[in-house]
């Protein structure tokens, strides 16, 4: 959900990070479906690649969170003049 929200906010701001958060969303979907394939489907050959994908996806997610944290479109602080109205 955080990837979807950040992709939408970045897209409205015209930032290219929107595409990256969209790709991370799909990577998380694949990681979430991985145990179903490995344990439910008996495809043991996918266990290691899915584990690597899970780690890479989480590291990339944290990296991009830090990267966009200083940008203004993620701020929820209101302007002082509108806060008093």
PDB file of N, CA and C in Angstrom:
ATOM      1  N   UNK A   1       0.821  -1.183   0.000  1.00  0.00           N
ATOM      2  CA  UNK A   1       0.000   0.000   0.000  1.00  0.00           C
ATOM      3  C   UNK A   1       0.872   1.256   0.000  1.00  0.00           C
ATOM      4  N   UNK A   2       1.990   1.185   0.695  1.00  0.00           N
ATOM      5  CA  UNK A   2       2.876   2.352   0.724  1.00  0.00           C
ATOM      6  C   UNK A   2       3.464   2.612  -0.656  1.00  0.00           C
ATOM      7  N   UNK A   3       3.818   1.567  -1.370  1.00  0.00           N
ATOM      8  CA  UNK A   3       4.352   1.739  -2.732  1.00  0.00           C
ATOM      9  C   UNK A   3       3.320   2.376  -3.650  1.00  0.00           C
ATOM     10  N   UNK A   4       2.067   1.952  -3.531  1.00  0.00           N
ATOM     11  CA  UNK A   4       1.007   2.509  -4.369  1.00  0.00           C
ATOM     12  C   UNK A   4       0.821   3.988  -4.061  1.00  0.00           C
ATOM     13  N   UNK A   5       0.754   4.332  -2.790  1.00  0.00           N
ATOM     14  CA  UNK A   5       0.576   5.724  -2.401  1.00  0.00           C
ATOM     15  C   UNK A   5       1.734   6.604  -2.833  1.00  0.00           C
ATOM     16  N   UNK A   6       2.938   6.126  -2.622  1.00  0.00           N
ATOM     17  CA  UNK A   6       4.105   6.918  -3.018  1.00  0.00           C
ATOM     18  C   UNK A   6       4.209   7.048  -4.527  1.00  0.00           C
ATOM     19  N   UNK A   7       3.823   6.013  -5.256  1.00  0.00           N
ATOM     20  CA  UNK A   7       3.838   6.091  -6.722  1.00  0.00           C
ATOM     21  C   UNK A   7       2.840   7.133  -7.209  1.00  0.00           C
ATOM     22  N   UNK A   8       1.669   7.196  -6.601  1.00  0.00           N
ATOM     23  CA  UNK A   8       0.670   8.181  -7.001  1.00  0.00           C
ATOM     24  C   UNK A   8       1.112   9.602  -6.677  1.00  0.00           C
ATOM     25  N   UNK A   9       1.663   9.794  -5.497  1.00  0.00           N
ATOM     26  CA  UNK A   9       2.113  11.133  -5.097  1.00  0.00           C
ATOM     27  C   UNK A   9       3.290  11.576  -5.961  1.00  0.00           C
ATOM     28  N   UNK A  10       4.217  10.676  -6.219  1.00  0.00           N
ATOM     29  CA  UNK A  10       5.366  11.020  -7.060  1.00  0.00           C
ATOM     30  C   UNK A  10       4.938  11.288  -8.494  1.00  0.00           C
ATOM     31  N   UNK A  11       3.936  10.568  -8.967  1.00  0.00           N
ATOM     32  CA  UNK A  11       3.441  10.782 -10.326  1.00  0.00           C
ATOM     33  C   UNK A  11       2.794  12.150 -10.448  1.00  0.00           C
ATOM     34  N   UNK A  12       2.011  12.555  -9.444  1.00  0.00           N
ATOM     35  CA  UNK A  12       1.401  13.885  -9.462  1.00  0.00           C
ATOM     36  C   UNK A  12       2.452  14.990  -9.419  1.00  0.00           C
ATOM     37  N   UNK A  13       3.578  14.710  -8.751  1.00  0.00           N
ATOM     38  CA  UNK A  13       4.650  15.699  -8.667  1.00  0.00           C
ATOM     39  C   UNK A  13       5.543  15.687  -9.901  1.00  0.00           C
ATOM     40  N   UNK A  14       5.327  14.718 -10.790  1.00  0.00           N
ATOM     41  CA  UNK A  14       6.140  14.626 -12.005  1.00  0.00           C
ATOM     42  C   UNK A  14       7.508  14.023 -11.771  1.00  0.00           C
ATOM     43  N   UNK A  15       7.647  13.247 -10.729  1.00  0.00           N
ATOM     44  CA  UNK A  15       8.928  12.659 -10.372  1.00  0.00           C
ATOM     45  C   UNK A  15       9.057  11.276 -11.016  1.00  0.00           C
ATOM     46  N   UNK A  16      10.257  10.934 -11.439  1.00  0.00           N
ATOM     47  CA  UNK A  16      10.483   9.640 -12.084  1.00  0.00           C
ATOM     48  C   UNK A  16      10.491   8.482 -11.088  1.00  0.00           C
ATOM     49  N   UNK A  17      10.486   8.770  -9.814  1.00  0.00           N
ATOM     50  CA  UNK A  17      10.449   7.717  -8.797  1.00  0.00           C
ATOM     51  C   UNK A  17       9.112   6.978  -8.812  1.00  0.00           C
ATOM     52  N   UNK A  18       8.105   7.538  -9.444  1.00  0.00           N
ATOM     53  CA  UNK A  18       6.797   6.885  -9.517  1.00  0.00           C
ATOM     54  C   UNK A  18       6.916   5.538 -10.218  1.00  0.00           C
ATOM     55  N   UNK A  19       7.716   5.471 -11.256  1.00  0.00           N
ATOM     56  CA  UNK A  19       7.904   4.209 -11.977  1.00  0.00           C
ATOM     57  C   UNK A  19       8.613   3.194 -11.095  1.00  0.00           C
ATOM     58  N   UNK A  20       9.574   3.638 -10.340  1.00  0.00           N
ATOM     59  CA  UNK A  20      10.313   2.718  -9.473  1.00  0.00           C
ATOM     60  C   UNK A  20       9.425   2.154  -8.368  1.00  0.00           C
ATOM     61  N   UNK A  21       8.584   2.997  -7.789  1.00  0.00           N
ATOM     62  CA  UNK A  21       7.675   2.491  -6.764  1.00  0.00           C
ATOM     63  C   UNK A  21       6.623   1.561  -7.372  1.00  0.00           C
ATOM     64  N   UNK A  22       6.233   1.813  -8.608  1.00  0.00           N
ATOM     65  CA  UNK A  22       5.326   0.896  -9.297  1.00  0.00           C
ATOM     66  C   UNK A  22       5.963  -0.463  -9.525  1.00  0.00           C
ATOM     67  N   UNK A  23       7.230  -0.469  -9.908  1.00  0.00           N
ATOM     68  CA  UNK A  23       7.945  -1.737 -10.094  1.00  0.00           C
ATOM     69  C   UNK A  23       8.148  -2.467  -8.768  1.00  0.00           C
ATOM     70  N   UNK A  24       8.429  -1.706  -7.726  1.00  0.00           N
ATOM     71  CA  UNK A  24       8.573  -2.326  -6.402  1.00  0.00           C
ATOM     72  C   UNK A  24       7.264  -2.945  -5.937  1.00  0.00           C
ATOM     73  N   UNK A  25       6.152  -2.318  -6.283  1.00  0.00           N
ATOM     74  CA  UNK A  25       4.851  -2.892  -5.925  1.00  0.00           C
ATOM     75  C   UNK A  25       4.691  -4.277  -6.533  1.00  0.00           C
ATOM     76  N   UNK A  26       5.035  -4.408  -7.819  1.00  0.00           N
ATOM     77  CA  UNK A  26       4.911  -5.712  -8.470  1.00  0.00           C
ATOM     78  C   UNK A  26       5.926  -6.710  -7.934  1.00  0.00           C
ATOM     79  N   UNK A  27       7.089  -6.234  -7.534  1.00  0.00           N
ATOM     80  CA  UNK A  27       8.069  -7.139  -6.928  1.00  0.00           C
ATOM     81  C   UNK A  27       7.545  -7.675  -5.598  1.00  0.00           C
ATOM     82  N   UNK A  28       6.871  -6.828  -4.830  1.00  0.00           N
ATOM     83  CA  UNK A  28       6.278  -7.296  -3.574  1.00  0.00           C
ATOM     84  C   UNK A  28       5.143  -8.285  -3.827  1.00  0.00           C
ATOM     85  N   UNK A  29       4.402  -8.110  -4.909  1.00  0.00           N
ATOM     86  CA  UNK A  29       3.342  -9.065  -5.260  1.00  0.00           C
ATOM     87  C   UNK A  29       3.954 -10.422  -5.582  1.00  0.00           C
ATOM     88  N   UNK A  30       5.044 -10.429  -6.329  1.00  0.00           N
ATOM     89  CA  UNK A  30       5.720 -11.687  -6.661  1.00  0.00           C
ATOM     90  C   UNK A  30       6.282 -12.345  -5.408  1.00  0.00           C
ATOM     91  N   UNK A  31       6.868 -11.553  -4.535  1.00  0.00           N
ATOM     92  CA  UNK A  31       7.412 -12.092  -3.284  1.00  0.00           C
ATOM     93  C   UNK A  31       6.289 -12.661  -2.414  1.00  0.00           C
ATOM     94  N   UNK A  32       5.139 -12.012  -2.406  1.00  0.00           N
ATOM     95  CA  UNK A  32       4.014 -12.509  -1.609  1.00  0.00           C
ATOM     96  C   UNK A  32       3.446 -13.802  -2.177  1.00  0.00           C
ATOM     97  N   UNK A  33       3.486 -13.950  -3.491  1.00  0.00           N
ATOM     98  CA  UNK A  33       2.974 -15.169  -4.123  1.00  0.00           C
ATOM     99  C   UNK A  33       4.009 -16.293  -4.116  1.00  0.00           C
ATOM    100  N   UNK A  34       5.230 -15.983  -3.786  1.00  0.00           N
ATOM    101  CA  UNK A  34       6.307 -16.977  -3.804  1.00  0.00           C
ATOM    102  C   UNK A  34       6.084 -18.190  -2.933  1.00  0.00           C
ATOM    103  N   UNK A  35       5.708 -18.024  -1.673  1.00  0.00           N
ATOM    104  CA  UNK A  35       5.495 -19.208  -0.831  1.00  0.00           C
ATOM    105  C   UNK A  35       4.401 -20.143  -1.347  1.00  0.00           C
ATOM    106  N   UNK A  36       3.417 -19.598  -2.035  1.00  0.00           N
ATOM    107  CA  UNK A  36       2.371 -20.441  -2.609  1.00  0.00           C
ATOM    108  C   UNK A  36       2.968 -21.358  -3.672  1.00  0.00           C
ATOM    109  N   UNK A  37       3.865 -20.803  -4.488  1.00  0.00           N
ATOM    110  CA  UNK A  37       4.501 -21.625  -5.523  1.00  0.00           C
ATOM    111  C   UNK A  37       5.494 -22.620  -4.934  1.00  0.00           C
ATOM    112  N   UNK A  38       6.274 -22.176  -3.969  1.00  0.00           N
ATOM    113  CA  UNK A  38       7.330 -23.030  -3.418  1.00  0.00           C
ATOM    114  C   UNK A  38       6.745 -24.149  -2.563  1.00  0.00           C
ATOM    115  N   UNK A  39       5.901 -23.777  -1.614  1.00  0.00           N
ATOM    116  CA  UNK A  39       5.393 -24.784  -0.673  1.00  0.00           C
ATOM    117  C   UNK A  39       4.118 -25.454  -1.168  1.00  0.00           C
ATOM    118  N   UNK A  40       3.212 -24.677  -1.720  1.00  0.00           N
ATOM    119  CA  UNK A  40       1.956 -25.250  -2.193  1.00  0.00           C
ATOM    120  C   UNK A  40       2.098 -25.992  -3.502  1.00  0.00           C
ATOM    121  N   UNK A  41       2.893 -25.440  -4.407  1.00  0.00           N
ATOM    122  CA  UNK A  41       3.066 -26.057  -5.721  1.00  0.00           C
ATOM    123  C   UNK A  41       4.210 -27.034  -5.792  1.00  0.00           C
ATOM    124  N   UNK A  42       5.027 -27.077  -4.777  1.00  0.00           N
ATOM    125  CA  UNK A  42       6.150 -28.005  -4.759  1.00  0.00           C
ATOM    126  C   UNK A  42       7.283 -27.636  -5.692  1.00  0.00           C
ATOM    127  N   UNK A  43       7.408 -26.366  -6.028  1.00  0.00           N
ATOM    128  CA  UNK A  43       8.485 -25.915  -6.916  1.00  0.00           C
ATOM    129  C   UNK A  43       9.641 -25.462  -6.037  1.00  0.00           C
ATOM    130  N   UNK A  44      10.420 -26.416  -5.578  1.00  0.00           N
ATOM    131  CA  UNK A  44      11.514 -26.104  -4.654  1.00  0.00           C
ATOM    132  C   UNK A  44      12.657 -25.334  -5.303  1.00  0.00           C
ATOM    133  N   UNK A  45      12.751 -25.371  -6.616  1.00  0.00           N
ATOM    134  CA  UNK A  45      13.829 -24.672  -7.314  1.00  0.00           C
ATOM    135  C   UNK A  45      13.674 -23.151  -7.210  1.00  0.00           C
ATOM    136  N   UNK A  46      12.480 -22.673  -6.880  1.00  0.00           N
ATOM    137  CA  UNK A  46      12.261 -21.231  -6.779  1.00  0.00           C
ATOM    138  C   UNK A  46      12.529 -20.667  -5.391  1.00  0.00           C
ATOM    139  N   UNK A  47      12.876 -21.509  -4.433  1.00  0.00           N
ATOM    140  CA  UNK A  47      13.065 -21.045  -3.057  1.00  0.00           C
ATOM    141  C   UNK A  47      14.216 -20.039  -2.954  1.00  0.00           C
ATOM    142  N   UNK A  48      15.356 -20.364  -3.491  1.00  0.00           N
ATOM    143  CA  UNK A  48      16.517 -19.469  -3.406  1.00  0.00           C
ATOM    144  C   UNK A  48      16.317 -18.175  -4.207  1.00  0.00           C
ATOM    145  N   UNK A  49      15.848 -18.250  -5.473  1.00  0.00           N
ATOM    146  CA  UNK A  49      15.635 -16.993  -6.203  1.00  0.00           C
ATOM    147  C   UNK A  49      14.593 -16.084  -5.547  1.00  0.00           C
ATOM    148  N   UNK A  50      13.555 -16.671  -4.969  1.00  0.00           N
ATOM    149  CA  UNK A  50      12.558 -15.849  -4.297  1.00  0.00           C
ATOM    150  C   UNK A  50      13.101 -15.220  -3.020  1.00  0.00           C
ATOM    151  N   UNK A  51      13.968 -15.929  -2.327  1.00  0.00           N
ATOM    152  CA  UNK A  51      14.592 -15.365  -1.132  1.00  0.00           C
ATOM    153  C   UNK A  51      15.493 -14.189  -1.504  1.00  0.00           C
ATOM    154  N   UNK A  52      16.242 -14.334  -2.575  1.00  0.00           N
ATOM    155  CA  UNK A  52      17.103 -13.241  -3.044  1.00  0.00           C
ATOM    156  C   UNK A  52      16.249 -12.058  -3.491  1.00  0.00           C
ATOM    157  N   UNK A  53      15.159 -12.343  -4.217  1.00  0.00           N
ATOM    158  CA  UNK A  53      14.273 -11.275  -4.668  1.00  0.00           C
ATOM    159  C   UNK A  53      13.646 -10.543  -3.482  1.00  0.00           C
ATOM    160  N   UNK A  54      13.296 -11.274  -2.440  1.00  0.00           N
ATOM    161  CA  UNK A  54      12.707 -10.651  -1.251  1.00  0.00           C
ATOM    162  C   UNK A  54      13.702  -9.696  -0.596  1.00  0.00           C
ATOM    163  N   UNK A  55      14.945 -10.113  -0.472  1.00  0.00           N
ATOM    164  CA  UNK A  55      15.953  -9.257   0.154  1.00  0.00           C
ATOM    165  C   UNK A  55      16.236  -8.033  -0.710  1.00  0.00           C
ATOM    166  N   UNK A  56      16.403  -8.231  -2.002  1.00  0.00           N
ATOM    167  CA  UNK A  56      16.695  -7.115  -2.909  1.00  0.00           C
ATOM    168  C   UNK A  56      15.532  -6.129  -2.944  1.00  0.00           C
ATOM    169  N   UNK A  57      14.318  -6.640  -2.944  1.00  0.00           N
ATOM    170  CA  UNK A  57      13.148  -5.774  -2.972  1.00  0.00           C
ATOM    171  C   UNK A  57      13.059  -4.928  -1.706  1.00  0.00           C
ATOM    172  N   UNK A  58      13.289  -5.528  -0.564  1.00  0.00           N
ATOM    173  CA  UNK A  58      13.222  -4.769   0.691  1.00  0.00           C
ATOM    174  C   UNK A  58      14.339  -3.746   0.799  1.00  0.00           C
ATOM    175  N   UNK A  59      15.534  -4.101   0.370  1.00  0.00           N
ATOM    176  CA  UNK A  59      16.649  -3.143   0.407  1.00  0.00           C
ATOM    177  C   UNK A  59      16.378  -1.981  -0.548  1.00  0.00           C
ATOM    178  N   UNK A  60      15.886  -2.281  -1.746  1.00  0.00           N
ATOM    179  CA  UNK A  60      15.572  -1.223  -2.706  1.00  0.00           C
ATOM    180  C   UNK A  60      14.460  -0.323  -2.179  1.00  0.00           C
ATOM    181  N   UNK A  61      13.473  -0.909  -1.513  1.00  0.00           N
ATOM    182  CA  UNK A  61      12.370  -0.133  -0.958  1.00  0.00           C
ATOM    183  C   UNK A  61      12.866   0.851   0.095  1.00  0.00           C
ATOM    184  N   UNK A  62      13.702   0.381   0.996  1.00  0.00           N
ATOM    185  CA  UNK A  62      14.248   1.266   2.031  1.00  0.00           C
ATOM    186  C   UNK A  62      15.121   2.351   1.404  1.00  0.00           C
ATOM    187  N   UNK A  63      15.920   1.979   0.403  1.00  0.00           N
ATOM    188  CA  UNK A  63      16.767   2.959  -0.284  1.00  0.00           C
ATOM    189  C   UNK A  63      15.922   4.062  -0.917  1.00  0.00           C
ATOM    190  N   UNK A  64      14.847   3.690  -1.639  1.00  0.00           N
ATOM    191  CA  UNK A  64      14.018   4.694  -2.293  1.00  0.00           C
ATOM    192  C   UNK A  64      13.204   5.502  -1.290  1.00  0.00           C
ATOM    193  N   UNK A  65      12.858   4.912  -0.159  1.00  0.00           N
ATOM    194  CA  UNK A  65      12.191   5.693   0.881  1.00  0.00           C
ATOM    195  C   UNK A  65      13.108   6.800   1.399  1.00  0.00           C
ATOM    196  N   UNK A  66      14.366   6.455   1.637  1.00  0.00           N
ATOM    197  CA  UNK A  66      15.311   7.480   2.075  1.00  0.00           C
ATOM    198  C   UNK A  66      15.558   8.507   0.967  1.00  0.00           C
ATOM    199  N   UNK A  67      15.566   8.063  -0.273  1.00  0.00           N
ATOM    200  CA  UNK A  67      15.843   8.953  -1.390  1.00  0.00           C
ATOM    201  C   UNK A  67      14.740   9.996  -1.564  1.00  0.00           C
ATOM    202  N   UNK A  68      13.491   9.608  -1.382  1.00  0.00           N
ATOM    203  CA  UNK A  68      12.398  10.563  -1.586  1.00  0.00           C
ATOM    204  C   UNK A  68      11.984  11.273  -0.305  1.00  0.00           C
ATOM    205  N   UNK A  69      12.595  10.927   0.810  1.00  0.00           N
ATOM    206  CA  UNK A  69      12.161  11.507   2.082  1.00  0.00           C
ATOM    207  C   UNK A  69      12.430  13.011   2.161  1.00  0.00           C
ATOM    208  N   UNK A  70      13.373  13.514   1.427  1.00  0.00           N
ATOM    209  CA  UNK A  70      13.701  14.941   1.484  1.00  0.00           C
ATOM    210  C   UNK A  70      12.949  15.769   0.455  1.00  0.00           C
ATOM    211  N   UNK A  71      12.159  15.112  -0.363  1.00  0.00           N
ATOM    212  CA  UNK A  71      11.422  15.844  -1.387  1.00  0.00           C
ATOM    213  C   UNK A  71      10.151  16.421  -0.794  1.00  0.00           C
ATOM    214  N   UNK A  72       9.714  17.530  -1.318  1.00  0.00           N
ATOM    215  CA  UNK A  72       8.599  18.257  -0.740  1.00  0.00           C
ATOM    216  C   UNK A  72       7.238  17.618  -0.916  1.00  0.00           C
ATOM    217  N   UNK A  73       7.063  16.778  -1.910  1.00  0.00           N
ATOM    218  CA  UNK A  73       5.716  16.248  -2.145  1.00  0.00           C
ATOM    219  C   UNK A  73       5.288  15.217  -1.109  1.00  0.00           C
ATOM    220  N   UNK A  74       6.184  14.759  -0.302  1.00  0.00           N
ATOM    221  CA  UNK A  74       5.820  13.809   0.735  1.00  0.00           C
ATOM    222  C   UNK A  74       5.524  14.450   2.073  1.00  0.00           C
ATOM    223  N   UNK A  75       5.639  15.749   2.140  1.00  0.00           N
ATOM    224  CA  UNK A  75       5.456  16.457   3.399  1.00  0.00           C
ATOM    225  C   UNK A  75       3.981  16.710   3.667  1.00  0.00           C
ATOM    226  N   UNK A  76       3.604  16.574   4.930  1.00  0.00           N
ATOM    227  CA  UNK A  76       2.226  16.857   5.316  1.00  0.00           C
ATOM    228  C   UNK A  76       2.125  18.120   6.161  1.00  0.00           C
ATOM    229  N   UNK A  77       3.197  18.866   6.244  1.00  0.00           N
ATOM    230  CA  UNK A  77       3.203  20.097   7.032  1.00  0.00           C
ATOM    231  C   UNK A  77       2.480  21.178   6.244  1.00  0.00           C
ATOM    232  N   UNK A  78       1.486  21.787   6.854  1.00  0.00           N
ATOM    233  CA  UNK A  78       0.708  22.833   6.199  1.00  0.00           C
ATOM    234  C   UNK A  78       1.415  24.170   6.327  1.00  0.00           C
ATOM    235  N   UNK A  79       1.083  25.049   5.453  1.00  0.00           N
ATOM    236  CA  UNK A  79       1.607  26.417   5.505  1.00  0.00           C
ATOM    237  C   UNK A  79       1.060  27.095   6.767  1.00  0.00           C
ATOM    238  N   UNK A  80       1.869  27.911   7.418  1.00  0.00           N
ATOM    239  CA  UNK A  80       1.477  28.551   8.667  1.00  0.00           C
ATOM    240  C   UNK A  80       0.269  29.456   8.497  1.00  0.00           C
ATOM    241  N   UNK A  81       0.125  30.082   7.341  1.00  0.00           N
ATOM    242  CA  UNK A  81      -1.010  30.986   7.128  1.00  0.00           C
ATOM    243  C   UNK A  81      -2.315  30.210   6.994  1.00  0.00           C
ATOM    244  N   UNK A  82      -2.288  29.012   6.445  1.00  0.00           N
ATOM    245  CA  UNK A  82      -3.512  28.230   6.311  1.00  0.00           C
ATOM    246  C   UNK A  82      -3.821  27.430   7.572  1.00  0.00           C
ATOM    247  N   UNK A  83      -2.854  27.232   8.414  1.00  0.00           N
ATOM    248  CA  UNK A  83      -3.069  26.437   9.629  1.00  0.00           C
ATOM    249  C   UNK A  83      -3.903  27.214  10.653  1.00  0.00           C
ATOM    250  N   UNK A  84      -3.870  28.529  10.611  1.00  0.00           N
ATOM    251  CA  UNK A  84      -4.589  29.340  11.601  1.00  0.00           C
ATOM    252  C   UNK A  84      -6.026  29.613  11.197  1.00  0.00           C
ATOM    253  N   UNK A  85      -6.391  29.341   9.978  1.00  0.00           N
ATOM    254  CA  UNK A  85      -7.749  29.642   9.512  1.00  0.00           C
ATOM    255  C   UNK A  85      -8.749  28.665  10.020  1.00  0.00           C
TER     256      UNK A  85
END
